[in-house]
Amino acid sequence: MKQYKKVAVGGTFDELHSGHKVLLSKAFEVGEQVIIGLTSDEFVQQIGKSHKTASYEERCQGLEAYLAGRGLIERVQIVSLKDPYGLTLSARDIDALIVSKETQKTGQLINQKRQAVGYPPIQLVVVDMVPAQNHGSISTTRIRRGEIDHQGCTL
């Protein structure tokens, strides 16, 4: 029996790397069902990433392949994320939100907005950032710049 019935996690999940995999692993470790909010192409543009980002379709296929390879595809629902909140402001039955230390403030804002509309707060499960070999964080930006690989090893 998992700690939570339904959990959510969101992100761009571009260049699926070790940091993403830790976040996803935590979601499946604590939740029976996992909703992944995958940033839409339009939202990626609004965020203003400093690097090229793969299309929504490519990122979704990469996520699905990764999850299928681990036997987790039956427990997931991937939805398009058009803003920082996704289903967290419309689905009352989400029990927990998996966040990194980097996105914890967004989780706190989600809870403020949920309370404003009469929904119970969501438990925030905070995952530590995965350090790269050189002790910086593993990020898609650093991978795209050619500084590190997907496991955080210096190139």
C-alpha atoms as a PDB file:
ATOM      1  CA  MET A   1       0.000   0.000   0.000  1.00  0.00           C
ATOM      2  CA  LYS A   2       1.380   3.380  -1.047  1.00  0.00           C
ATOM      3  CA  GLN A   3       1.379   6.431   1.191  1.00  0.00           C
ATOM      4  CA  TYR A   4      -0.889   8.409  -1.173  1.00  0.00           C
ATOM      5  CA  LYS A   5      -3.639   7.376  -3.578  1.00  0.00           C
ATOM      6  CA  LYS A   6      -2.938  10.084  -6.186  1.00  0.00           C
ATOM      7  CA  VAL A   7       0.160  12.260  -6.548  1.00  0.00           C
ATOM      8  CA  ALA A   8       1.185  14.825  -9.121  1.00  0.00           C
ATOM      9  CA  VAL A   9       4.521  15.958 -10.479  1.00  0.00           C
ATOM     10  CA  GLY A  10       5.196  18.509 -13.177  1.00  0.00           C
ATOM     11  CA  GLY A  11       8.003  19.578 -15.429  1.00  0.00           C
ATOM     12  CA  THR A  12       9.406  19.972 -18.898  1.00  0.00           C
ATOM     13  CA  PHE A  13      11.264  16.641 -18.735  1.00  0.00           C
ATOM     14  CA  ASP A  14      13.510  17.617 -21.627  1.00  0.00           C
ATOM     15  CA  GLU A  15      16.689  15.541 -21.959  1.00  0.00           C
ATOM     16  CA  LEU A  16      15.349  13.088 -19.359  1.00  0.00           C
ATOM     17  CA  HIS A  17      18.206  12.941 -16.844  1.00  0.00           C
ATOM     18  CA  SER A  18      19.055  11.526 -13.411  1.00  0.00           C
ATOM     19  CA  GLY A  19      17.417  14.449 -11.601  1.00  0.00           C
ATOM     20  CA  HIS A  20      14.141  13.873 -13.441  1.00  0.00           C
ATOM     21  CA  LYS A  21      14.348  10.147 -12.749  1.00  0.00           C
ATOM     22  CA  VAL A  22      14.767  10.723  -8.992  1.00  0.00           C
ATOM     23  CA  LEU A  23      11.688  12.980  -9.014  1.00  0.00           C
ATOM     24  CA  LEU A  24       9.661  10.404 -10.956  1.00  0.00           C
ATOM     25  CA  SER A  25      10.890   7.528  -8.781  1.00  0.00           C
ATOM     26  CA  LYS A  26       9.734   9.363  -5.652  1.00  0.00           C
ATOM     27  CA  ALA A  27       6.310   9.941  -7.207  1.00  0.00           C
ATOM     28  CA  PHE A  28       5.860   6.231  -7.933  1.00  0.00           C
ATOM     29  CA  GLU A  29       7.341   5.252  -4.567  1.00  0.00           C
ATOM     30  CA  VAL A  30       4.744   7.230  -2.582  1.00  0.00           C
ATOM     31  CA  GLY A  31       1.747   7.284  -4.947  1.00  0.00           C
ATOM     32  CA  GLU A  32      -0.542   4.565  -6.280  1.00  0.00           C
ATOM     33  CA  GLN A  33      -1.490   6.740  -9.268  1.00  0.00           C
ATOM     34  CA  VAL A  34       0.757   9.459 -10.694  1.00  0.00           C
ATOM     35  CA  ILE A  35      -0.297  12.443 -12.762  1.00  0.00           C
ATOM     36  CA  ILE A  36       2.600  13.935 -14.710  1.00  0.00           C
ATOM     37  CA  GLY A  37       2.007  17.489 -15.857  1.00  0.00           C
ATOM     38  CA  LEU A  38       4.226  17.798 -18.932  1.00  0.00           C
ATOM     39  CA  THR A  39       4.905  21.390 -19.945  1.00  0.00           C
ATOM     40  CA  SER A  40       3.173  22.249 -23.230  1.00  0.00           C
ATOM     41  CA  ASP A  41       5.159  23.785 -26.080  1.00  0.00           C
ATOM     42  CA  GLU A  42       3.330  27.091 -25.494  1.00  0.00           C
ATOM     43  CA  PHE A  43       4.163  27.104 -21.781  1.00  0.00           C
ATOM     44  CA  VAL A  44       7.820  26.323 -22.563  1.00  0.00           C
ATOM     45  CA  GLN A  45       7.869  29.489 -24.697  1.00  0.00           C
ATOM     46  CA  GLN A  46       6.279  31.526 -21.875  1.00  0.00           C
ATOM     47  CA  ILE A  47       8.869  30.270 -19.394  1.00  0.00           C
ATOM     48  CA  GLY A  48      11.620  31.456 -21.731  1.00  0.00           C
ATOM     49  CA  LYS A  49      14.087  28.577 -21.453  1.00  0.00           C
ATOM     50  CA  SER A  50      17.646  29.615 -22.321  1.00  0.00           C
ATOM     51  CA  HIS A  51      18.053  26.645 -24.659  1.00  0.00           C
ATOM     52  CA  LYS A  52      16.181  24.781 -27.371  1.00  0.00           C
ATOM     53  CA  THR A  53      13.619  22.355 -25.966  1.00  0.00           C
ATOM     54  CA  ALA A  54      12.350  19.179 -27.621  1.00  0.00           C
ATOM     55  CA  SER A  55       8.704  19.228 -28.705  1.00  0.00           C
ATOM     56  CA  TYR A  56       5.915  18.153 -26.365  1.00  0.00           C
ATOM     57  CA  GLU A  57       5.404  15.039 -28.478  1.00  0.00           C
ATOM     58  CA  GLU A  58       9.091  14.049 -28.277  1.00  0.00           C
ATOM     59  CA  ARG A  59       9.244  14.679 -24.520  1.00  0.00           C
ATOM     60  CA  CYS A  60       6.013  12.730 -23.965  1.00  0.00           C
ATOM     61  CA  GLN A  61       7.301   9.772 -26.003  1.00  0.00           C
ATOM     62  CA  GLY A  62      10.549   9.799 -24.006  1.00  0.00           C
ATOM     63  CA  LEU A  63       8.634   9.780 -20.715  1.00  0.00           C
ATOM     64  CA  GLU A  64       6.313   7.004 -21.869  1.00  0.00           C
ATOM     65  CA  ALA A  65       9.247   4.861 -23.038  1.00  0.00           C
ATOM     66  CA  TYR A  66      11.101   5.382 -19.752  1.00  0.00           C
ATOM     67  CA  LEU A  67       8.012   4.533 -17.657  1.00  0.00           C
ATOM     68  CA  ALA A  68       7.029   1.542 -19.821  1.00  0.00           C
ATOM     69  CA  GLY A  69      10.543   0.155 -19.455  1.00  0.00           C
ATOM     70  CA  ARG A  70      10.066   0.191 -15.689  1.00  0.00           C
ATOM     71  CA  GLY A  71       6.550  -1.293 -15.712  1.00  0.00           C
ATOM     72  CA  LEU A  72       4.993   1.956 -14.496  1.00  0.00           C
ATOM     73  CA  ILE A  73       2.953   3.047 -17.507  1.00  0.00           C
ATOM     74  CA  GLU A  74      -0.297   1.585 -16.119  1.00  0.00           C
ATOM     75  CA  ARG A  75      -0.073   3.849 -13.063  1.00  0.00           C
ATOM     76  CA  VAL A  76       0.456   7.144 -14.887  1.00  0.00           C
ATOM     77  CA  GLN A  77      -1.607   9.818 -16.577  1.00  0.00           C
ATOM     78  CA  ILE A  78       0.378  12.377 -18.581  1.00  0.00           C
ATOM     79  CA  VAL A  79      -1.421  15.690 -19.061  1.00  0.00           C
ATOM     80  CA  SER A  80      -0.411  18.869 -20.846  1.00  0.00           C
ATOM     81  CA  LEU A  81       0.723  21.594 -18.448  1.00  0.00           C
ATOM     82  CA  LYS A  82      -0.298  25.019 -19.719  1.00  0.00           C
ATOM     83  CA  ASP A  83       0.559  26.938 -16.525  1.00  0.00           C
ATOM     84  CA  PRO A  84       2.434  26.267 -13.252  1.00  0.00           C
ATOM     85  CA  TYR A  85      -0.665  24.772 -11.578  1.00  0.00           C
ATOM     86  CA  GLY A  86      -2.075  22.178 -13.962  1.00  0.00           C
ATOM     87  CA  LEU A  87      -4.748  19.959 -12.431  1.00  0.00           C
ATOM     88  CA  THR A  88      -3.789  20.911  -8.869  1.00  0.00           C
ATOM     89  CA  LEU A  89      -6.360  23.722  -8.860  1.00  0.00           C
ATOM     90  CA  SER A  90      -9.208  21.716 -10.397  1.00  0.00           C
ATOM     91  CA  ALA A  91      -8.720  18.170  -9.061  1.00  0.00           C
ATOM     92  CA  ARG A  92      -9.734  17.884  -5.430  1.00  0.00           C
ATOM     93  CA  ASP A  93      -8.442  14.288  -5.154  1.00  0.00           C
ATOM     94  CA  ILE A  94      -4.700  14.942  -5.528  1.00  0.00           C
ATOM     95  CA  ASP A  95      -3.100  13.977  -2.221  1.00  0.00           C
ATOM     96  CA  ALA A  96       0.513  15.015  -2.755  1.00  0.00           C
ATOM     97  CA  LEU A  97       2.712  17.026  -5.065  1.00  0.00           C
ATOM     98  CA  ILE A  98       6.277  15.907  -5.710  1.00  0.00           C
ATOM     99  CA  VAL A  99       8.571  18.949  -5.951  1.00  0.00           C
ATOM    100  CA  SER A 100      12.272  19.679  -5.976  1.00  0.00           C
ATOM    101  CA  LYS A 101      13.773  22.264  -3.651  1.00  0.00           C
ATOM    102  CA  GLU A 102      13.846  24.461  -6.759  1.00  0.00           C
ATOM    103  CA  THR A 103      10.052  24.188  -7.277  1.00  0.00           C
ATOM    104  CA  GLN A 104       8.943  24.040  -3.631  1.00  0.00           C
ATOM    105  CA  LYS A 105       7.764  27.680  -3.706  1.00  0.00           C
ATOM    106  CA  THR A 106       5.413  26.859  -6.577  1.00  0.00           C
ATOM    107  CA  GLY A 107       3.982  24.031  -4.454  1.00  0.00           C
ATOM    108  CA  GLN A 108       3.372  26.465  -1.597  1.00  0.00           C
ATOM    109  CA  LEU A 109       1.645  28.886  -4.000  1.00  0.00           C
ATOM    110  CA  ILE A 110      -0.530  26.021  -5.284  1.00  0.00           C
ATOM    111  CA  ASN A 111      -1.649  25.309  -1.727  1.00  0.00           C
ATOM    112  CA  GLN A 112      -2.530  28.982  -1.167  1.00  0.00           C
ATOM    113  CA  LYS A 113      -4.604  28.981  -4.344  1.00  0.00           C
ATOM    114  CA  ARG A 114      -6.278  25.661  -3.402  1.00  0.00           C
ATOM    115  CA  GLN A 115      -7.262  27.005  -0.006  1.00  0.00           C
ATOM    116  CA  ALA A 116      -8.664  30.158  -1.650  1.00  0.00           C
ATOM    117  CA  VAL A 117     -11.106  27.993  -3.650  1.00  0.00           C
ATOM    118  CA  GLY A 118     -11.993  25.773  -0.686  1.00  0.00           C
ATOM    119  CA  TYR A 119      -9.814  22.754  -1.554  1.00  0.00           C
ATOM    120  CA  PRO A 120      -7.670  21.033   1.057  1.00  0.00           C
ATOM    121  CA  PRO A 121      -3.915  21.639   0.811  1.00  0.00           C
ATOM    122  CA  ILE A 122      -1.757  19.083  -0.973  1.00  0.00           C
ATOM    123  CA  GLN A 123       1.095  17.436   0.913  1.00  0.00           C
ATOM    124  CA  LEU A 124       4.395  18.612  -0.573  1.00  0.00           C
ATOM    125  CA  VAL A 125       7.002  15.873  -0.927  1.00  0.00           C
ATOM    126  CA  VAL A 126      10.332  17.624  -1.432  1.00  0.00           C
ATOM    127  CA  VAL A 127      13.090  15.812  -3.306  1.00  0.00           C
ATOM    128  CA  ASP A 128      16.691  16.975  -3.054  1.00  0.00           C
ATOM    129  CA  MET A 129      18.353  18.091  -6.257  1.00  0.00           C
ATOM    130  CA  VAL A 130      20.695  15.471  -7.696  1.00  0.00           C
ATOM    131  CA  PRO A 131      24.272  16.752  -7.693  1.00  0.00           C
ATOM    132  CA  ALA A 132      26.467  16.421 -10.743  1.00  0.00           C
ATOM    133  CA  GLN A 133      30.013  15.084 -10.526  1.00  0.00           C
ATOM    134  CA  ASN A 134      31.288  18.656 -10.079  1.00  0.00           C
ATOM    135  CA  HIS A 135      28.722  19.276  -7.293  1.00  0.00           C
ATOM    136  CA  GLY A 136      26.494  21.605  -9.326  1.00  0.00           C
ATOM    137  CA  SER A 137      22.969  20.406 -10.043  1.00  0.00           C
ATOM    138  CA  ILE A 138      22.075  18.172 -12.970  1.00  0.00           C
ATOM    139  CA  SER A 139      19.974  20.227 -15.356  1.00  0.00           C
ATOM    140  CA  THR A 140      18.865  20.145 -18.956  1.00  0.00           C
ATOM    141  CA  THR A 141      20.519  23.534 -19.450  1.00  0.00           C
ATOM    142  CA  ARG A 142      23.898  22.142 -18.402  1.00  0.00           C
ATOM    143  CA  ILE A 143      23.393  19.037 -20.573  1.00  0.00           C
ATOM    144  CA  ARG A 144      22.480  21.159 -23.608  1.00  0.00           C
ATOM    145  CA  ARG A 145      25.561  23.352 -23.004  1.00  0.00           C
ATOM    146  CA  GLY A 146      27.730  20.203 -23.118  1.00  0.00           C
ATOM    147  CA  GLU A 147      28.977  20.616 -19.514  1.00  0.00           C
ATOM    148  CA  ILE A 148      27.633  17.294 -18.198  1.00  0.00           C
ATOM    149  CA  ASP A 149      25.936  14.126 -19.419  1.00  0.00           C
ATOM    150  CA  HIS A 150      22.516  12.793 -18.362  1.00  0.00           C
ATOM    151  CA  GLN A 151      24.013  11.175 -15.233  1.00  0.00           C
ATOM    152  CA  GLY A 152      25.810  14.369 -14.200  1.00  0.00           C
ATOM    153  CA  CYS A 153      29.289  13.310 -15.233  1.00  0.00           C
ATOM    154  CA  THR A 154      31.525  16.174 -16.375  1.00  0.00           C
ATOM    155  CA  LEU A 155      32.301  16.101 -20.103  1.00  0.00           C
END
